[in-house]
Amino acid sequence: MKSLLLALALLPCVVFAEADSIADFQALVAKFPKTAPPLSPGQTVTVTVTSSDVRKTDSLITPILGTIDYKMTISSTVSIEMLVRAELVWKNNAWKLYRILRTDKDPAVDVTKEAQGGVQLDLLKEFYAPLQ
């Protein structure tokens, strides 16, 4: 009986923490960049968020996962579209970038593993800086 009372007493804290994560995530999506740094001179890169979601997982390490799906259009003489998913985890009362996936590839490509260093990694850091 005491453990049930303790669990019920802690319930509002758990709900409040999750509510904060959702509100913070919605704010993050609202300020998601609309443009990205070009990979080369003469390019323009536009970003359009297509969907976003927050869900619970079975993981004890990352129990709450947020996803932002977006289309990135790179224009110069020819336009190229990429479908990308940013995955964020809720840790220590803040959203942290977990990984970036190109979802237009089958299977999806983990861009964070591909960009081990150099210009590509610097551009990724610059683009995702507002999310950190």
N, C-alpha and C. Protein backbone atom coordinates (compact mmCIF):
# COMPACT_ATOMS: atom_id res chain seq x y z
N MET A 1 0.82 -1.19 0.00
CA MET A 1 0.00 0.00 0.00
C MET A 1 0.87 1.26 0.00
N LYS A 2 1.96 1.26 0.81
CA LYS A 2 2.84 2.43 0.86
C LYS A 2 3.50 2.66 -0.50
N SER A 3 3.90 1.56 -1.18
CA SER A 3 4.55 1.72 -2.48
C SER A 3 3.57 2.27 -3.52
N LEU A 4 2.30 1.88 -3.41
CA LEU A 4 1.29 2.42 -4.31
C LEU A 4 1.09 3.91 -4.07
N LEU A 5 1.05 4.31 -2.81
CA LEU A 5 0.91 5.73 -2.49
C LEU A 5 2.11 6.53 -2.98
N LEU A 6 3.30 5.96 -2.83
CA LEU A 6 4.51 6.62 -3.31
C LEU A 6 4.47 6.77 -4.83
N ALA A 7 4.06 5.71 -5.50
CA ALA A 7 3.97 5.76 -6.96
C ALA A 7 2.96 6.81 -7.40
N LEU A 8 1.83 6.88 -6.74
CA LEU A 8 0.82 7.88 -7.07
C LEU A 8 1.31 9.29 -6.78
N ALA A 9 2.09 9.45 -5.73
CA ALA A 9 2.63 10.76 -5.37
C ALA A 9 3.63 11.24 -6.42
N LEU A 10 4.39 10.31 -7.01
CA LEU A 10 5.39 10.67 -8.01
C LEU A 10 4.80 10.86 -9.41
N LEU A 11 3.61 10.36 -9.64
CA LEU A 11 2.99 10.42 -10.95
C LEU A 11 2.92 11.83 -11.53
N PRO A 12 2.50 12.84 -10.78
CA PRO A 12 2.47 14.19 -11.36
C PRO A 12 3.84 14.67 -11.82
N CYS A 13 4.92 14.26 -11.14
CA CYS A 13 6.27 14.66 -11.53
C CYS A 13 6.62 14.06 -12.88
N VAL A 14 6.27 12.79 -13.10
CA VAL A 14 6.56 12.12 -14.36
C VAL A 14 5.77 12.76 -15.49
N VAL A 15 4.49 12.99 -15.28
CA VAL A 15 3.65 13.61 -16.30
C VAL A 15 4.15 15.01 -16.62
N PHE A 16 4.54 15.77 -15.59
CA PHE A 16 5.04 17.13 -15.79
C PHE A 16 6.33 17.11 -16.61
N ALA A 17 7.24 16.18 -16.31
CA ALA A 17 8.51 16.09 -17.05
C ALA A 17 8.24 15.77 -18.51
N GLU A 18 7.30 14.87 -18.80
CA GLU A 18 6.99 14.54 -20.17
C GLU A 18 6.31 15.72 -20.86
N ALA A 19 5.46 16.42 -20.15
CA ALA A 19 4.78 17.59 -20.73
C ALA A 19 5.81 18.65 -21.11
N ASP A 20 6.82 18.85 -20.26
CA ASP A 20 7.89 19.81 -20.58
C ASP A 20 8.63 19.38 -21.83
N SER A 21 8.90 18.07 -21.96
CA SER A 21 9.63 17.58 -23.13
C SER A 21 8.83 17.84 -24.40
N ILE A 22 7.53 17.68 -24.34
CA ILE A 22 6.69 17.91 -25.53
C ILE A 22 6.64 19.40 -25.87
N ALA A 23 6.45 20.24 -24.88
CA ALA A 23 6.42 21.68 -25.13
C ALA A 23 7.76 22.16 -25.67
N ASP A 24 8.85 21.67 -25.09
CA ASP A 24 10.19 22.06 -25.56
C ASP A 24 10.42 21.56 -26.99
N PHE A 25 9.91 20.37 -27.30
CA PHE A 25 10.08 19.83 -28.64
C PHE A 25 9.31 20.67 -29.66
N GLN A 26 8.09 21.05 -29.32
CA GLN A 26 7.29 21.87 -30.22
C GLN A 26 7.98 23.21 -30.47
N ALA A 27 8.60 23.77 -29.45
CA ALA A 27 9.35 25.02 -29.61
C ALA A 27 10.56 24.81 -30.52
N LEU A 28 11.20 23.66 -30.39
CA LEU A 28 12.36 23.31 -31.20
C LEU A 28 11.96 23.19 -32.67
N VAL A 29 10.85 22.53 -32.93
CA VAL A 29 10.36 22.38 -34.31
C VAL A 29 10.03 23.75 -34.89
N ALA A 30 9.44 24.63 -34.10
CA ALA A 30 9.07 25.97 -34.56
C ALA A 30 10.29 26.79 -34.98
N LYS A 31 11.43 26.56 -34.32
CA LYS A 31 12.63 27.33 -34.68
C LYS A 31 13.60 26.54 -35.56
N PHE A 32 13.12 25.42 -36.13
CA PHE A 32 13.96 24.62 -37.02
C PHE A 32 14.40 25.48 -38.20
N PRO A 33 15.68 25.42 -38.59
CA PRO A 33 16.19 26.29 -39.66
C PRO A 33 15.41 26.11 -40.98
N LYS A 34 15.19 27.20 -41.68
CA LYS A 34 14.49 27.17 -42.98
C LYS A 34 15.48 27.13 -44.15
N THR A 35 16.74 27.42 -43.84
CA THR A 35 17.80 27.34 -44.84
C THR A 35 18.99 26.64 -44.21
N ALA A 36 19.91 26.18 -45.07
CA ALA A 36 21.12 25.51 -44.58
C ALA A 36 22.31 26.10 -45.33
N PRO A 37 23.50 25.98 -44.75
CA PRO A 37 24.69 26.49 -45.44
C PRO A 37 24.90 25.71 -46.75
N PRO A 38 25.25 26.39 -47.85
CA PRO A 38 25.49 25.69 -49.11
C PRO A 38 26.76 24.85 -49.05
N LEU A 39 26.76 23.76 -49.80
CA LEU A 39 27.95 22.91 -49.87
C LEU A 39 29.01 23.53 -50.77
N SER A 40 28.58 24.33 -51.74
CA SER A 40 29.53 25.01 -52.62
C SER A 40 28.95 26.37 -53.02
N PRO A 41 29.80 27.30 -53.51
CA PRO A 41 29.32 28.64 -53.89
C PRO A 41 28.26 28.55 -54.99
N GLY A 42 27.27 29.45 -54.90
CA GLY A 42 26.23 29.49 -55.93
C GLY A 42 25.02 28.61 -55.62
N GLN A 43 25.09 27.85 -54.55
CA GLN A 43 23.96 27.00 -54.18
C GLN A 43 23.08 27.69 -53.16
N THR A 44 21.80 27.34 -53.18
CA THR A 44 20.90 27.71 -52.10
C THR A 44 20.30 26.42 -51.57
N VAL A 45 20.14 26.37 -50.27
CA VAL A 45 19.61 25.17 -49.63
C VAL A 45 18.41 25.59 -48.79
N THR A 46 17.24 25.07 -49.16
CA THR A 46 16.02 25.36 -48.39
C THR A 46 15.58 24.10 -47.66
N VAL A 47 14.94 24.34 -46.51
CA VAL A 47 14.53 23.24 -45.65
C VAL A 47 13.04 23.40 -45.34
N THR A 48 12.30 22.31 -45.50
CA THR A 48 10.87 22.31 -45.21
C THR A 48 10.55 21.14 -44.29
N VAL A 49 10.07 21.43 -43.08
CA VAL A 49 9.68 20.38 -42.16
C VAL A 49 8.39 19.74 -42.68
N THR A 50 8.41 18.41 -42.81
CA THR A 50 7.23 17.70 -43.32
C THR A 50 6.43 17.04 -42.19
N SER A 51 7.10 16.65 -41.11
CA SER A 51 6.39 16.09 -39.95
C SER A 51 7.32 16.07 -38.74
N SER A 52 6.71 15.94 -37.58
CA SER A 52 7.49 15.82 -36.35
C SER A 52 6.67 15.02 -35.35
N ASP A 53 7.36 14.35 -34.44
CA ASP A 53 6.65 13.52 -33.47
C ASP A 53 7.54 13.26 -32.26
N VAL A 54 6.90 12.96 -31.15
CA VAL A 54 7.58 12.54 -29.93
C VAL A 54 6.94 11.23 -29.52
N ARG A 55 7.78 10.25 -29.18
CA ARG A 55 7.22 8.97 -28.75
C ARG A 55 8.09 8.34 -27.67
N LYS A 56 7.45 7.49 -26.89
CA LYS A 56 8.18 6.71 -25.89
C LYS A 56 8.79 5.51 -26.57
N THR A 57 9.95 5.09 -26.08
CA THR A 57 10.59 3.90 -26.62
C THR A 57 10.68 2.85 -25.50
N ASP A 58 11.18 1.68 -25.86
CA ASP A 58 11.39 0.62 -24.87
C ASP A 58 12.75 0.74 -24.20
N SER A 59 13.55 1.70 -24.62
CA SER A 59 14.91 1.86 -24.11
C SER A 59 14.92 2.56 -22.75
N LEU A 60 15.76 2.08 -21.86
CA LEU A 60 15.94 2.74 -20.58
C LEU A 60 16.92 3.92 -20.70
N ILE A 61 17.80 3.86 -21.71
CA ILE A 61 18.79 4.91 -21.91
C ILE A 61 18.17 6.11 -22.64
N THR A 62 17.36 5.84 -23.64
CA THR A 62 16.69 6.92 -24.39
C THR A 62 15.18 6.63 -24.43
N PRO A 63 14.50 6.87 -23.31
CA PRO A 63 13.08 6.51 -23.24
C PRO A 63 12.14 7.42 -24.05
N ILE A 64 12.59 8.63 -24.39
CA ILE A 64 11.75 9.54 -25.18
C ILE A 64 12.55 9.98 -26.40
N LEU A 65 11.96 9.76 -27.59
CA LEU A 65 12.61 10.08 -28.86
C LEU A 65 11.75 11.07 -29.63
N GLY A 66 12.38 12.11 -30.13
CA GLY A 66 11.69 13.08 -30.97
C GLY A 66 12.24 12.97 -32.39
N THR A 67 11.36 13.05 -33.37
CA THR A 67 11.81 12.99 -34.76
C THR A 67 11.28 14.20 -35.52
N ILE A 68 12.14 14.75 -36.36
CA ILE A 68 11.75 15.85 -37.25
C ILE A 68 12.11 15.39 -38.66
N ASP A 69 11.09 15.17 -39.47
CA ASP A 69 11.30 14.79 -40.87
C ASP A 69 11.24 16.07 -41.70
N TYR A 70 12.19 16.21 -42.63
CA TYR A 70 12.19 17.41 -43.45
C TYR A 70 12.75 17.13 -44.83
N LYS A 71 12.39 18.01 -45.75
CA LYS A 71 12.89 17.93 -47.12
C LYS A 71 13.92 19.04 -47.29
N MET A 72 15.08 18.67 -47.82
CA MET A 72 16.14 19.63 -48.07
C MET A 72 16.31 19.74 -49.59
N THR A 73 16.13 20.95 -50.11
CA THR A 73 16.25 21.17 -51.55
C THR A 73 17.51 21.99 -51.81
N ILE A 74 18.41 21.40 -52.60
CA ILE A 74 19.68 22.06 -52.96
C ILE A 74 19.54 22.54 -54.39
N SER A 75 19.60 23.86 -54.58
CA SER A 75 19.42 24.43 -55.91
C SER A 75 20.67 25.15 -56.37
N SER A 76 21.03 24.89 -57.61
CA SER A 76 22.05 25.67 -58.32
C SER A 76 21.59 25.66 -59.76
N THR A 77 22.30 25.00 -60.66
CA THR A 77 21.79 24.86 -62.02
C THR A 77 20.74 23.75 -62.08
N VAL A 78 20.83 22.81 -61.17
CA VAL A 78 19.88 21.70 -61.08
C VAL A 78 19.43 21.60 -59.62
N SER A 79 18.18 21.22 -59.40
CA SER A 79 17.68 21.05 -58.03
C SER A 79 17.72 19.58 -57.62
N ILE A 80 18.16 19.36 -56.39
CA ILE A 80 18.21 18.01 -55.82
C ILE A 80 17.44 18.05 -54.52
N GLU A 81 16.58 17.06 -54.31
CA GLU A 81 15.83 16.98 -53.06
C GLU A 81 16.30 15.78 -52.25
N MET A 82 16.45 16.00 -50.94
CA MET A 82 16.81 14.92 -50.04
C MET A 82 15.77 14.87 -48.93
N LEU A 83 15.41 13.67 -48.50
CA LEU A 83 14.52 13.51 -47.36
C LEU A 83 15.38 13.12 -46.17
N VAL A 84 15.22 13.85 -45.08
CA VAL A 84 16.10 13.68 -43.93
C VAL A 84 15.26 13.60 -42.66
N ARG A 85 15.76 12.84 -41.69
CA ARG A 85 15.13 12.75 -40.37
C ARG A 85 16.18 13.07 -39.31
N ALA A 86 15.87 14.05 -38.47
CA ALA A 86 16.70 14.35 -37.31
C ALA A 86 16.07 13.63 -36.12
N GLU A 87 16.85 12.82 -35.43
CA GLU A 87 16.35 12.14 -34.23
C GLU A 87 17.00 12.77 -33.02
N LEU A 88 16.17 13.14 -32.05
CA LEU A 88 16.63 13.78 -30.82
C LEU A 88 16.16 12.96 -29.64
N VAL A 89 16.95 12.97 -28.58
CA VAL A 89 16.57 12.26 -27.35
C VAL A 89 16.44 13.25 -26.21
N TRP A 90 15.53 12.96 -25.30
CA TRP A 90 15.29 13.80 -24.13
C TRP A 90 16.18 13.28 -23.01
N LYS A 91 17.22 14.04 -22.66
CA LYS A 91 18.15 13.65 -21.59
C LYS A 91 18.43 14.85 -20.71
N ASN A 92 18.40 14.63 -19.41
CA ASN A 92 18.69 15.69 -18.45
C ASN A 92 17.86 16.95 -18.71
N ASN A 93 16.57 16.72 -18.97
CA ASN A 93 15.61 17.81 -19.19
C ASN A 93 15.95 18.71 -20.37
N ALA A 94 16.54 18.13 -21.42
CA ALA A 94 16.85 18.88 -22.63
C ALA A 94 16.89 17.93 -23.83
N TRP A 95 16.58 18.45 -24.99
CA TRP A 95 16.66 17.66 -26.22
C TRP A 95 18.09 17.68 -26.73
N LYS A 96 18.62 16.51 -27.08
CA LYS A 96 19.97 16.36 -27.62
C LYS A 96 19.89 15.67 -28.97
N LEU A 97 20.64 16.19 -29.93
CA LEU A 97 20.67 15.56 -31.25
C LEU A 97 21.29 14.18 -31.13
N TYR A 98 20.58 13.16 -31.60
CA TYR A 98 21.05 11.78 -31.50
C TYR A 98 21.69 11.34 -32.81
N ARG A 99 20.94 11.49 -33.92
CA ARG A 99 21.52 11.16 -35.22
C ARG A 99 20.68 11.78 -36.32
N ILE A 100 21.27 11.79 -37.53
CA ILE A 100 20.63 12.33 -38.71
C ILE A 100 20.60 11.23 -39.76
N LEU A 101 19.41 10.95 -40.29
CA LEU A 101 19.25 9.89 -41.27
C LEU A 101 18.77 10.46 -42.60
N ARG A 102 19.36 9.98 -43.70
CA ARG A 102 18.80 10.26 -45.03
C ARG A 102 17.78 9.18 -45.29
N THR A 103 16.52 9.56 -45.27
CA THR A 103 15.45 8.57 -45.41
C THR A 103 15.05 8.33 -46.86
N ASP A 104 15.65 9.07 -47.80
CA ASP A 104 15.36 8.83 -49.21
C ASP A 104 16.23 7.71 -49.77
N LYS A 105 17.09 7.16 -48.96
CA LYS A 105 17.93 6.01 -49.33
C LYS A 105 17.31 4.75 -48.73
N ASP A 106 17.51 3.61 -49.37
CA ASP A 106 16.99 2.35 -48.84
C ASP A 106 18.14 1.36 -48.77
N PRO A 107 18.61 1.02 -47.60
CA PRO A 107 18.14 1.45 -46.28
C PRO A 107 18.62 2.89 -45.97
N ALA A 108 18.00 3.48 -44.97
CA ALA A 108 18.35 4.85 -44.57
C ALA A 108 19.83 4.93 -44.22
N VAL A 109 20.44 6.05 -44.54
CA VAL A 109 21.88 6.25 -44.30
C VAL A 109 22.04 7.17 -43.09
N ASP A 110 22.87 6.75 -42.14
CA ASP A 110 23.16 7.56 -40.96
C ASP A 110 24.22 8.59 -41.34
N VAL A 111 23.79 9.82 -41.58
CA VAL A 111 24.67 10.89 -42.02
C VAL A 111 25.68 11.26 -40.94
N THR A 112 25.29 11.12 -39.68
CA THR A 112 26.21 11.47 -38.59
C THR A 112 27.43 10.56 -38.59
N LYS A 113 27.29 9.33 -39.06
CA LYS A 113 28.44 8.42 -39.14
C LYS A 113 29.27 8.70 -40.38
N GLU A 114 28.60 9.10 -41.47
CA GLU A 114 29.32 9.41 -42.72
C GLU A 114 30.18 10.66 -42.58
N ALA A 115 29.69 11.67 -41.88
CA ALA A 115 30.40 12.94 -41.73
C ALA A 115 31.32 12.87 -40.53
N GLN A 116 32.38 12.11 -40.64
CA GLN A 116 33.31 11.92 -39.53
C GLN A 116 34.16 13.15 -39.25
N GLY A 117 34.36 13.97 -40.26
CA GLY A 117 35.18 15.16 -40.06
C GLY A 117 35.15 16.04 -41.29
N GLY A 118 35.89 17.11 -41.25
CA GLY A 118 36.01 17.99 -42.40
C GLY A 118 34.84 18.93 -42.56
N VAL A 119 34.68 19.44 -43.79
CA VAL A 119 33.69 20.45 -44.11
C VAL A 119 32.28 19.96 -43.85
N GLN A 120 31.99 18.71 -44.23
CA GLN A 120 30.64 18.18 -44.07
C GLN A 120 30.20 18.20 -42.60
N LEU A 121 31.09 17.79 -41.72
CA LEU A 121 30.76 17.79 -40.29
C LEU A 121 30.59 19.22 -39.77
N ASP A 122 31.43 20.13 -40.22
CA ASP A 122 31.30 21.54 -39.81
C ASP A 122 29.96 22.12 -40.25
N LEU A 123 29.52 21.78 -41.48
CA LEU A 123 28.23 22.27 -41.96
C LEU A 123 27.08 21.68 -41.16
N LEU A 124 27.18 20.40 -40.81
CA LEU A 124 26.14 19.78 -39.99
C LEU A 124 26.04 20.46 -38.63
N LYS A 125 27.19 20.71 -38.02
CA LYS A 125 27.21 21.37 -36.71
C LYS A 125 26.59 22.77 -36.80
N GLU A 126 26.92 23.49 -37.87
CA GLU A 126 26.38 24.84 -38.05
C GLU A 126 24.86 24.80 -38.23
N PHE A 127 24.37 23.85 -39.03
CA PHE A 127 22.94 23.75 -39.30
C PHE A 127 22.15 23.36 -38.05
N TYR A 128 22.68 22.43 -37.26
CA TYR A 128 21.95 21.94 -36.10
C TYR A 128 22.25 22.72 -34.81
N ALA A 129 23.09 23.73 -34.88
CA ALA A 129 23.44 24.51 -33.68
C ALA A 129 22.21 25.07 -32.96
N PRO A 130 21.19 25.57 -33.66
CA PRO A 130 20.02 26.10 -32.94
C PRO A 130 19.27 25.02 -32.14
N LEU A 131 19.49 23.77 -32.46
CA LEU A 131 18.77 22.69 -31.76
C LEU A 131 19.47 22.25 -30.49
N GLN A 132 20.65 22.73 -30.26
CA GLN A 132 21.41 22.28 -29.09
C GLN A 132 21.29 23.26 -27.95
